[in-house]
Amino acid sequence: MSIKLDPRFYDSVMSEEKWSTVRQGRLEYDLGFTELDFGDVKVWVNVWAVVHAYVHRLCDEGAERDGFNSKSELLAVLKKHYPDLDINDEITIVKWDLIGKVEDDVNA
């Protein structure tokens, strides 16, 4: 199962400024190798943690893992993706280590 990400986050993932993502709801992701899908390009990551929490438990440290400067900046972006997001909603946080860009299969 790949994880879709907005293409504007590609550079921060590749520079390893962003190594997690927050999703609305209680979602299940497998640990291990998976693709981050930016549309035109895909990146291999090793998912090492899937954490279920609540929006009100987000903190500045978690926002920085997600490539943002603060919790308030992260919340502003989350509200754009999830307009009905509430402070008491459950969220899923996926954390990974970057492996590298998915290259085209040379044998195809």
C-alpha atoms as a PDB file:
ATOM      1  CA  MET A   1       0.000   0.000   0.000  1.00  0.00           C
ATOM      2  CA  SER A   2       1.542   3.294  -1.061  1.00  0.00           C
ATOM      3  CA  ILE A   3       1.079   6.526   0.865  1.00  0.00           C
ATOM      4  CA  LYS A   4       0.003   9.486  -1.262  1.00  0.00           C
ATOM      5  CA  LEU A   5       1.640  12.825  -0.479  1.00  0.00           C
ATOM      6  CA  ASP A   6       1.211  16.272  -1.957  1.00  0.00           C
ATOM      7  CA  PRO A   7       4.029  16.887  -4.508  1.00  0.00           C
ATOM      8  CA  ARG A   8       5.007  20.079  -2.673  1.00  0.00           C
ATOM      9  CA  PHE A   9       6.425  17.874   0.119  1.00  0.00           C
ATOM     10  CA  TYR A  10       8.820  15.984  -2.176  1.00  0.00           C
ATOM     11  CA  ASP A  11      11.877  18.174  -1.496  1.00  0.00           C
ATOM     12  CA  SER A  12      11.405  18.096   2.280  1.00  0.00           C
ATOM     13  CA  VAL A  13      11.079  14.285   2.189  1.00  0.00           C
ATOM     14  CA  MET A  14      14.185  13.902   0.031  1.00  0.00           C
ATOM     15  CA  SER A  15      16.177  16.218   2.321  1.00  0.00           C
ATOM     16  CA  GLU A  16      14.831  14.237   5.291  1.00  0.00           C
ATOM     17  CA  GLU A  17      13.329  17.352   6.888  1.00  0.00           C
ATOM     18  CA  LYS A  18       9.998  15.531   6.674  1.00  0.00           C
ATOM     19  CA  TRP A  19       9.946  11.943   7.899  1.00  0.00           C
ATOM     20  CA  SER A  20       6.364  11.523   9.033  1.00  0.00           C
ATOM     21  CA  THR A  21       2.840  12.292   7.932  1.00  0.00           C
ATOM     22  CA  VAL A  22      -0.408  12.860   9.814  1.00  0.00           C
ATOM     23  CA  ARG A  23      -3.683  11.424   8.529  1.00  0.00           C
ATOM     24  CA  GLN A  24      -7.205  12.021   9.797  1.00  0.00           C
ATOM     25  CA  GLY A  25      -8.805   8.996  11.414  1.00  0.00           C
ATOM     26  CA  ARG A  26      -7.559   5.697  12.757  1.00  0.00           C
ATOM     27  CA  LEU A  27      -5.829   4.107   9.791  1.00  0.00           C
ATOM     28  CA  GLU A  28      -3.706   0.991   9.531  1.00  0.00           C
ATOM     29  CA  TYR A  29      -0.401   0.893   7.674  1.00  0.00           C
ATOM     30  CA  ASP A  30       2.046  -1.994   7.508  1.00  0.00           C
ATOM     31  CA  LEU A  31       5.514  -1.554   8.934  1.00  0.00           C
ATOM     32  CA  GLY A  32       8.343  -2.071   6.475  1.00  0.00           C
ATOM     33  CA  PHE A  33       9.066  -0.956   2.930  1.00  0.00           C
ATOM     34  CA  THR A  34       6.455   1.060   1.072  1.00  0.00           C
ATOM     35  CA  GLU A  35       6.227   3.820  -1.510  1.00  0.00           C
ATOM     36  CA  LEU A  36       5.438   7.454  -0.948  1.00  0.00           C
ATOM     37  CA  ASP A  37       3.477   8.490  -4.031  1.00  0.00           C
ATOM     38  CA  PHE A  38       3.901  12.113  -5.129  1.00  0.00           C
ATOM     39  CA  GLY A  39       2.020  11.599  -8.395  1.00  0.00           C
ATOM     40  CA  ASP A  40       4.771  11.752 -11.033  1.00  0.00           C
ATOM     41  CA  VAL A  41       7.470  10.348  -8.753  1.00  0.00           C
ATOM     42  CA  LYS A  42       7.615   7.703  -6.058  1.00  0.00           C
ATOM     43  CA  VAL A  43      10.026   7.286  -3.173  1.00  0.00           C
ATOM     44  CA  TRP A  44      10.888   4.172  -1.162  1.00  0.00           C
ATOM     45  CA  VAL A  45      10.675   4.455   2.631  1.00  0.00           C
ATOM     46  CA  ASN A  46      10.862   2.048   5.532  1.00  0.00           C
ATOM     47  CA  VAL A  47       7.846   2.672   7.786  1.00  0.00           C
ATOM     48  CA  TRP A  48       8.999   2.029  11.350  1.00  0.00           C
ATOM     49  CA  ALA A  49       6.072   3.392  13.384  1.00  0.00           C
ATOM     50  CA  VAL A  50       2.341   3.914  13.077  1.00  0.00           C
ATOM     51  CA  VAL A  51       0.932   5.878  16.006  1.00  0.00           C
ATOM     52  CA  HIS A  52      -2.710   6.579  16.791  1.00  0.00           C
ATOM     53  CA  ALA A  53      -3.329   9.796  18.718  1.00  0.00           C
ATOM     54  CA  TYR A  54      -5.653  12.793  18.883  1.00  0.00           C
ATOM     55  CA  VAL A  55      -5.259  16.181  17.229  1.00  0.00           C
ATOM     56  CA  HIS A  56      -5.024  17.966  20.583  1.00  0.00           C
ATOM     57  CA  ARG A  57      -1.976  15.805  21.450  1.00  0.00           C
ATOM     58  CA  LEU A  58       0.092  17.161  18.550  1.00  0.00           C
ATOM     59  CA  CYS A  59       3.145  19.182  19.621  1.00  0.00           C
ATOM     60  CA  ASP A  60       5.866  21.329  18.046  1.00  0.00           C
ATOM     61  CA  GLU A  61       8.319  18.395  18.046  1.00  0.00           C
ATOM     62  CA  GLY A  62       5.890  16.244  16.078  1.00  0.00           C
ATOM     63  CA  ALA A  63       5.238  19.102  13.672  1.00  0.00           C
ATOM     64  CA  GLU A  64       8.986  19.396  13.020  1.00  0.00           C
ATOM     65  CA  ARG A  65       9.172  15.655  12.178  1.00  0.00           C
ATOM     66  CA  ASP A  66       6.453  16.383   9.640  1.00  0.00           C
ATOM     67  CA  GLY A  67       8.532  19.166   8.072  1.00  0.00           C
ATOM     68  CA  PHE A  68       6.777  22.142   9.712  1.00  0.00           C
ATOM     69  CA  ASN A  69       8.091  24.873  11.996  1.00  0.00           C
ATOM     70  CA  SER A  70       5.357  24.589  14.621  1.00  0.00           C
ATOM     71  CA  LYS A  71       2.191  22.827  15.683  1.00  0.00           C
ATOM     72  CA  SER A  72       0.113  25.791  14.496  1.00  0.00           C
ATOM     73  CA  GLU A  73       1.678  25.614  11.012  1.00  0.00           C
ATOM     74  CA  LEU A  74       0.969  21.863  10.831  1.00  0.00           C
ATOM     75  CA  LEU A  75      -2.633  22.375  11.981  1.00  0.00           C
ATOM     76  CA  ALA A  76      -3.200  25.042   9.321  1.00  0.00           C
ATOM     77  CA  VAL A  77      -2.075  22.626   6.574  1.00  0.00           C
ATOM     78  CA  LEU A  78      -4.090  19.746   8.046  1.00  0.00           C
ATOM     79  CA  LYS A  79      -7.217  21.941   8.033  1.00  0.00           C
ATOM     80  CA  LYS A  80      -6.683  22.572   4.298  1.00  0.00           C
ATOM     81  CA  HIS A  81      -6.544  18.821   3.626  1.00  0.00           C
ATOM     82  CA  TYR A  82      -9.253  17.923   6.155  1.00  0.00           C
ATOM     83  CA  PRO A  83     -11.626  20.916   6.485  1.00  0.00           C
ATOM     84  CA  ASP A  84     -13.800  19.125   9.057  1.00  0.00           C
ATOM     85  CA  LEU A  85     -10.826  18.229  11.306  1.00  0.00           C
ATOM     86  CA  ASP A  86     -11.641  18.776  14.974  1.00  0.00           C
ATOM     87  CA  ILE A  87      -9.268  19.101  17.920  1.00  0.00           C
ATOM     88  CA  ASN A  88     -10.769  15.893  19.394  1.00  0.00           C
ATOM     89  CA  ASP A  89     -10.443  13.812  16.209  1.00  0.00           C
ATOM     90  CA  GLU A  90      -8.299  10.722  16.124  1.00  0.00           C
ATOM     91  CA  ILE A  91      -5.285  10.843  13.814  1.00  0.00           C
ATOM     92  CA  THR A  92      -2.719   8.406  12.488  1.00  0.00           C
ATOM     93  CA  ILE A  93       0.951   9.388  12.404  1.00  0.00           C
ATOM     94  CA  VAL A  94       3.188   7.394  10.060  1.00  0.00           C
ATOM     95  CA  LYS A  95       6.976   7.635  10.589  1.00  0.00           C
ATOM     96  CA  TRP A  96       9.615   6.437   8.161  1.00  0.00           C
ATOM     97  CA  ASP A  97      13.262   6.328   7.155  1.00  0.00           C
ATOM     98  CA  LEU A  98      14.040   7.401   3.600  1.00  0.00           C
ATOM     99  CA  ILE A  99      15.424   4.688   1.304  1.00  0.00           C
ATOM    100  CA  GLY A 100      15.481   6.539  -2.034  1.00  0.00           C
ATOM    101  CA  LYS A 101      13.736   7.382  -5.256  1.00  0.00           C
ATOM    102  CA  VAL A 102      11.928   4.561  -7.044  1.00  0.00           C
ATOM    103  CA  GLU A 103      13.717   4.093 -10.346  1.00  0.00           C
ATOM    104  CA  ASP A 104      12.025   2.882 -13.526  1.00  0.00           C
ATOM    105  CA  ASP A 105      12.401  -0.844 -14.123  1.00  0.00           C
ATOM    106  CA  VAL A 106      15.179  -1.145 -16.701  1.00  0.00           C
ATOM    107  CA  ASN A 107      13.879  -4.594 -17.745  1.00  0.00           C
ATOM    108  CA  ALA A 108      10.361  -3.370 -18.610  1.00  0.00           C
END
